[in-house]
Every structure is written in structure tokens, then in C-alpha cells.
């Protein structure tokens, strides 16, 4: 398990399970820009399913 996979799991849990608003997620994760989360860390459950079954 990598540092980025842990941060990705954290972001996904905060949004999917706890419905954390963007500003709260930024604060909790120590991110400065929501785009960082959108590009690197957060993938919705549906996106994970699609990437896991693609091929």
C-alpha cells in the first residue's frame, strides 16, 4: 500500500461515506486546491468499478 493509495482511500471515504463538503475535505487532507483531489486522489465508487472491470 502506498502513501497515495492511503490518501485516495481517505478522500473517497470522506466524500462517499461522510459526504464531506469540498472545503472540509481540503482542510482534513491538508490540500490547497480541490483540483489536486479531483485529479490525483478522489475517484468515485463508480469510477473505481469501471477501471477495475475495464480491459
PDB file of N, CA and C in Angstrom:
ATOM      1  N   UNK A   1       0.850  -1.174   0.000  1.00  0.00           N
ATOM      2  CA  UNK A   1       0.000   0.000   0.000  1.00  0.00           C
ATOM      3  C   UNK A   1       0.900   1.242   0.000  1.00  0.00           C
ATOM      4  N   UNK A   2       0.587   2.178  -0.864  1.00  0.00           N
ATOM      5  CA  UNK A   2       1.401   3.390  -0.977  1.00  0.00           C
ATOM      6  C   UNK A   2       0.748   4.557  -0.245  1.00  0.00           C
ATOM      7  N   UNK A   3       1.539   5.603  -0.045  1.00  0.00           N
ATOM      8  CA  UNK A   3       1.039   6.831   0.576  1.00  0.00           C
ATOM      9  C   UNK A   3      -0.143   7.375  -0.225  1.00  0.00           C
ATOM     10  N   UNK A   4      -0.013   7.382  -1.549  1.00  0.00           N
ATOM     11  CA  UNK A   4      -1.083   7.932  -2.380  1.00  0.00           C
ATOM     12  C   UNK A   4      -2.344   7.071  -2.323  1.00  0.00           C
ATOM     13  N   UNK A   5      -2.192   5.771  -2.228  1.00  0.00           N
ATOM     14  CA  UNK A   5      -3.381   4.919  -2.132  1.00  0.00           C
ATOM     15  C   UNK A   5      -4.109   5.159  -0.812  1.00  0.00           C
ATOM     16  N   UNK A   6      -3.359   5.431   0.253  1.00  0.00           N
ATOM     17  CA  UNK A   6      -3.996   5.750   1.538  1.00  0.00           C
ATOM     18  C   UNK A   6      -4.732   7.085   1.472  1.00  0.00           C
ATOM     19  N   UNK A   7      -4.113   8.077   0.844  1.00  0.00           N
ATOM     20  CA  UNK A   7      -4.765   9.384   0.707  1.00  0.00           C
ATOM     21  C   UNK A   7      -5.997   9.282  -0.192  1.00  0.00           C
ATOM     22  N   UNK A   8      -5.909   8.461  -1.232  1.00  0.00           N
ATOM     23  CA  UNK A   8      -7.055   8.251  -2.124  1.00  0.00           C
ATOM     24  C   UNK A   8      -8.209   7.616  -1.350  1.00  0.00           C
ATOM     25  N   UNK A   9      -7.890   6.609  -0.539  1.00  0.00           N
ATOM     26  CA  UNK A   9      -8.926   5.946   0.265  1.00  0.00           C
ATOM     27  C   UNK A   9      -9.549   6.926   1.251  1.00  0.00           C
ATOM     28  N   UNK A  10      -8.714   7.741   1.882  1.00  0.00           N
ATOM     29  CA  UNK A  10      -9.192   8.744   2.827  1.00  0.00           C
ATOM     30  C   UNK A  10     -10.164   9.705   2.146  1.00  0.00           C
ATOM     31  N   UNK A  11      -9.767  10.255   1.001  1.00  0.00           N
ATOM     32  CA  UNK A  11     -10.615  11.214   0.286  1.00  0.00           C
ATOM     33  C   UNK A  11     -11.931  10.568  -0.120  1.00  0.00           C
ATOM     34  N   UNK A  12     -11.854   9.367  -0.640  1.00  0.00           N
ATOM     35  CA  UNK A  12     -13.067   8.681  -1.092  1.00  0.00           C
ATOM     36  C   UNK A  12     -14.011   8.396   0.074  1.00  0.00           C
ATOM     37  N   UNK A  13     -13.462   7.965   1.195  1.00  0.00           N
ATOM     38  CA  UNK A  13     -14.282   7.689   2.374  1.00  0.00           C
ATOM     39  C   UNK A  13     -14.957   8.957   2.872  1.00  0.00           C
ATOM     40  N   UNK A  14     -14.205  10.045   2.932  1.00  0.00           N
ATOM     41  CA  UNK A  14     -14.769  11.304   3.415  1.00  0.00           C
ATOM     42  C   UNK A  14     -15.928  11.776   2.546  1.00  0.00           C
ATOM     43  N   UNK A  15     -15.809  11.607   1.243  1.00  0.00           N
ATOM     44  CA  UNK A  15     -16.859  12.070   0.331  1.00  0.00           C
ATOM     45  C   UNK A  15     -18.000  11.065   0.254  1.00  0.00           C
ATOM     46  N   UNK A  16     -17.682   9.804  -0.010  1.00  0.00           N
ATOM     47  CA  UNK A  16     -18.724   8.799  -0.239  1.00  0.00           C
ATOM     48  C   UNK A  16     -19.476   8.410   1.028  1.00  0.00           C
ATOM     49  N   UNK A  17     -18.766   8.255   2.121  1.00  0.00           N
ATOM     50  CA  UNK A  17     -19.396   7.779   3.349  1.00  0.00           C
ATOM     51  C   UNK A  17     -19.908   8.915   4.224  1.00  0.00           C
ATOM     52  N   UNK A  18     -19.082   9.950   4.368  1.00  0.00           N
ATOM     53  CA  UNK A  18     -19.430  11.039   5.284  1.00  0.00           C
ATOM     54  C   UNK A  18     -19.955  12.285   4.584  1.00  0.00           C
ATOM     55  N   UNK A  19     -19.979  12.255   3.251  1.00  0.00           N
ATOM     56  CA  UNK A  19     -20.486  13.379   2.450  1.00  0.00           C
ATOM     57  C   UNK A  19     -19.816  14.697   2.832  1.00  0.00           C
ATOM     58  N   UNK A  20     -18.503  14.640   3.043  1.00  0.00           N
ATOM     59  CA  UNK A  20     -17.746  15.837   3.421  1.00  0.00           C
ATOM     60  C   UNK A  20     -17.770  16.854   2.288  1.00  0.00           C
ATOM     61  N   UNK A  21     -18.079  18.103   2.604  1.00  0.00           N
ATOM     62  CA  UNK A  21     -18.023  19.147   1.581  1.00  0.00           C
ATOM     63  C   UNK A  21     -16.569  19.399   1.167  1.00  0.00           C
ATOM     64  N   UNK A  22     -16.389  19.988  -0.004  1.00  0.00           N
ATOM     65  CA  UNK A  22     -15.047  20.207  -0.544  1.00  0.00           C
ATOM     66  C   UNK A  22     -14.132  20.955   0.415  1.00  0.00           C
ATOM     67  N   UNK A  23     -14.618  22.025   1.016  1.00  0.00           N
ATOM     68  CA  UNK A  23     -13.767  22.812   1.920  1.00  0.00           C
ATOM     69  C   UNK A  23     -13.316  21.986   3.119  1.00  0.00           C
ATOM     70  N   UNK A  24     -14.188  21.154   3.630  1.00  0.00           N
ATOM     71  CA  UNK A  24     -13.832  20.302   4.765  1.00  0.00           C
ATOM     72  C   UNK A  24     -12.810  19.246   4.342  1.00  0.00           C
ATOM     73  N   UNK A  25     -13.001  18.676   3.169  1.00  0.00           N
ATOM     74  CA  UNK A  25     -12.054  17.689   2.662  1.00  0.00           C
ATOM     75  C   UNK A  25     -10.673  18.312   2.466  1.00  0.00           C
ATOM     76  N   UNK A  26     -10.627  19.521   1.934  1.00  0.00           N
ATOM     77  CA  UNK A  26      -9.353  20.230   1.778  1.00  0.00           C
ATOM     78  C   UNK A  26      -8.665  20.398   3.130  1.00  0.00           C
ATOM     79  N   UNK A  27      -9.415  20.822   4.114  1.00  0.00           N
ATOM     80  CA  UNK A  27      -8.855  21.049   5.448  1.00  0.00           C
ATOM     81  C   UNK A  27      -8.375  19.743   6.071  1.00  0.00           C
ATOM     82  N   UNK A  28      -9.203  18.724   6.036  1.00  0.00           N
ATOM     83  CA  UNK A  28      -8.858  17.448   6.661  1.00  0.00           C
ATOM     84  C   UNK A  28      -7.643  16.786   6.019  1.00  0.00           C
ATOM     85  N   UNK A  29      -7.555  16.884   4.703  1.00  0.00           N
ATOM     86  CA  UNK A  29      -6.461  16.230   3.990  1.00  0.00           C
ATOM     87  C   UNK A  29      -5.216  17.079   3.823  1.00  0.00           C
ATOM     88  N   UNK A  30      -5.311  18.358   4.184  1.00  0.00           N
ATOM     89  CA  UNK A  30      -4.157  19.235   4.051  1.00  0.00           C
ATOM     90  C   UNK A  30      -3.866  19.662   2.627  1.00  0.00           C
ATOM     91  N   UNK A  31      -4.874  19.592   1.765  1.00  0.00           N
ATOM     92  CA  UNK A  31      -4.701  20.001   0.377  1.00  0.00           C
ATOM     93  C   UNK A  31      -5.001  21.487   0.237  1.00  0.00           C
ATOM     94  N   UNK A  32      -4.374  22.132  -0.749  1.00  0.00           N
ATOM     95  CA  UNK A  32      -4.594  23.555  -1.005  1.00  0.00           C
ATOM     96  C   UNK A  32      -5.583  23.808  -2.132  1.00  0.00           C
ATOM     97  N   UNK A  33      -5.729  22.851  -3.018  1.00  0.00           N
ATOM     98  CA  UNK A  33      -6.510  23.061  -4.233  1.00  0.00           C
ATOM     99  C   UNK A  33      -7.393  21.843  -4.490  1.00  0.00           C
ATOM    100  N   UNK A  34      -8.666  22.058  -4.701  1.00  0.00           N
ATOM    101  CA  UNK A  34      -9.606  20.959  -4.932  1.00  0.00           C
ATOM    102  C   UNK A  34      -9.233  20.166  -6.182  1.00  0.00           C
ATOM    103  N   UNK A  35      -8.575  20.805  -7.140  1.00  0.00           N
ATOM    104  CA  UNK A  35      -8.181  20.087  -8.361  1.00  0.00           C
ATOM    105  C   UNK A  35      -7.189  18.965  -8.060  1.00  0.00           C
ATOM    106  N   UNK A  36      -6.369  19.147  -7.050  1.00  0.00           N
ATOM    107  CA  UNK A  36      -5.430  18.091  -6.659  1.00  0.00           C
ATOM    108  C   UNK A  36      -6.191  16.838  -6.267  1.00  0.00           C
ATOM    109  N   UNK A  37      -7.238  17.014  -5.513  1.00  0.00           N
ATOM    110  CA  UNK A  37      -8.056  15.877  -5.088  1.00  0.00           C
ATOM    111  C   UNK A  37      -8.752  15.262  -6.291  1.00  0.00           C
ATOM    112  N   UNK A  38      -9.341  16.096  -7.128  1.00  0.00           N
ATOM    113  CA  UNK A  38     -10.091  15.603  -8.275  1.00  0.00           C
ATOM    114  C   UNK A  38      -9.212  14.824  -9.248  1.00  0.00           C
ATOM    115  N   UNK A  39      -7.992  15.279  -9.446  1.00  0.00           N
ATOM    116  CA  UNK A  39      -7.103  14.648 -10.421  1.00  0.00           C
ATOM    117  C   UNK A  39      -6.360  13.449  -9.839  1.00  0.00           C
ATOM    118  N   UNK A  40      -5.880  13.558  -8.603  1.00  0.00           N
ATOM    119  CA  UNK A  40      -4.995  12.528  -8.054  1.00  0.00           C
ATOM    120  C   UNK A  40      -5.625  11.587  -7.050  1.00  0.00           C
ATOM    121  N   UNK A  41      -6.527  12.090  -6.227  1.00  0.00           N
ATOM    122  CA  UNK A  41      -6.923  11.301  -5.067  1.00  0.00           C
ATOM    123  C   UNK A  41      -8.348  10.782  -5.057  1.00  0.00           C
ATOM    124  N   UNK A  42      -9.290  11.543  -5.554  1.00  0.00           N
ATOM    125  CA  UNK A  42     -10.666  11.084  -5.435  1.00  0.00           C
ATOM    126  C   UNK A  42     -11.145  10.443  -6.714  1.00  0.00           C
ATOM    127  N   UNK A  43     -11.613   9.236  -6.588  1.00  0.00           N
ATOM    128  CA  UNK A  43     -12.314   8.555  -7.667  1.00  0.00           C
ATOM    129  C   UNK A  43     -13.570   7.982  -7.036  1.00  0.00           C
ATOM    130  N   UNK A  44     -14.698   8.293  -7.618  1.00  0.00           N
ATOM    131  CA  UNK A  44     -15.954   7.804  -7.049  1.00  0.00           C
ATOM    132  C   UNK A  44     -15.992   6.283  -7.125  1.00  0.00           C
ATOM    133  N   UNK A  45     -16.875   5.698  -6.374  1.00  0.00           N
ATOM    134  CA  UNK A  45     -17.030   4.256  -6.401  1.00  0.00           C
ATOM    135  C   UNK A  45     -17.318   3.743  -7.799  1.00  0.00           C
ATOM    136  N   UNK A  46     -18.125   4.468  -8.557  1.00  0.00           N
ATOM    137  CA  UNK A  46     -18.453   4.068  -9.926  1.00  0.00           C
ATOM    138  C   UNK A  46     -17.207   4.091 -10.810  1.00  0.00           C
ATOM    139  N   UNK A  47     -16.365   5.106 -10.655  1.00  0.00           N
ATOM    140  CA  UNK A  47     -15.128   5.183 -11.437  1.00  0.00           C
ATOM    141  C   UNK A  47     -14.205   4.026 -11.090  1.00  0.00           C
ATOM    142  N   UNK A  48     -14.132   3.653  -9.824  1.00  0.00           N
ATOM    143  CA  UNK A  48     -13.293   2.526  -9.414  1.00  0.00           C
ATOM    144  C   UNK A  48     -13.791   1.228 -10.019  1.00  0.00           C
ATOM    145  N   UNK A  49     -15.084   1.043 -10.046  1.00  0.00           N
ATOM    146  CA  UNK A  49     -15.663  -0.169 -10.628  1.00  0.00           C
ATOM    147  C   UNK A  49     -15.342  -0.234 -12.114  1.00  0.00           C
ATOM    148  N   UNK A  50     -15.520   0.889 -12.815  1.00  0.00           N
ATOM    149  CA  UNK A  50     -15.236   0.915 -14.251  1.00  0.00           C
ATOM    150  C   UNK A  50     -13.776   0.602 -14.533  1.00  0.00           C
ATOM    151  N   UNK A  51     -12.854   1.201 -13.781  1.00  0.00           N
ATOM    152  CA  UNK A  51     -11.431   0.961 -14.038  1.00  0.00           C
ATOM    153  C   UNK A  51     -11.046  -0.473 -13.670  1.00  0.00           C
ATOM    154  N   UNK A  52     -11.711  -1.031 -12.691  1.00  0.00           N
ATOM    155  CA  UNK A  52     -11.401  -2.395 -12.275  1.00  0.00           C
ATOM    156  C   UNK A  52     -11.932  -3.452 -13.216  1.00  0.00           C
ATOM    157  N   UNK A  53     -12.954  -3.116 -13.988  1.00  0.00           N
ATOM    158  CA  UNK A  53     -13.537  -4.084 -14.910  1.00  0.00           C
ATOM    159  C   UNK A  53     -13.180  -3.793 -16.353  1.00  0.00           C
ATOM    160  N   UNK A  54     -12.475  -2.691 -16.594  1.00  0.00           N
ATOM    161  CA  UNK A  54     -12.091  -2.344 -17.966  1.00  0.00           C
ATOM    162  C   UNK A  54     -11.026  -3.316 -18.462  1.00  0.00           C
ATOM    163  N   UNK A  55     -11.067  -3.559 -19.733  1.00  0.00           N
ATOM    164  CA  UNK A  55      -9.999  -4.386 -20.288  1.00  0.00           C
ATOM    165  C   UNK A  55     -10.509  -5.283 -21.260  1.00  0.00           C
TER     166      UNK A  55
END
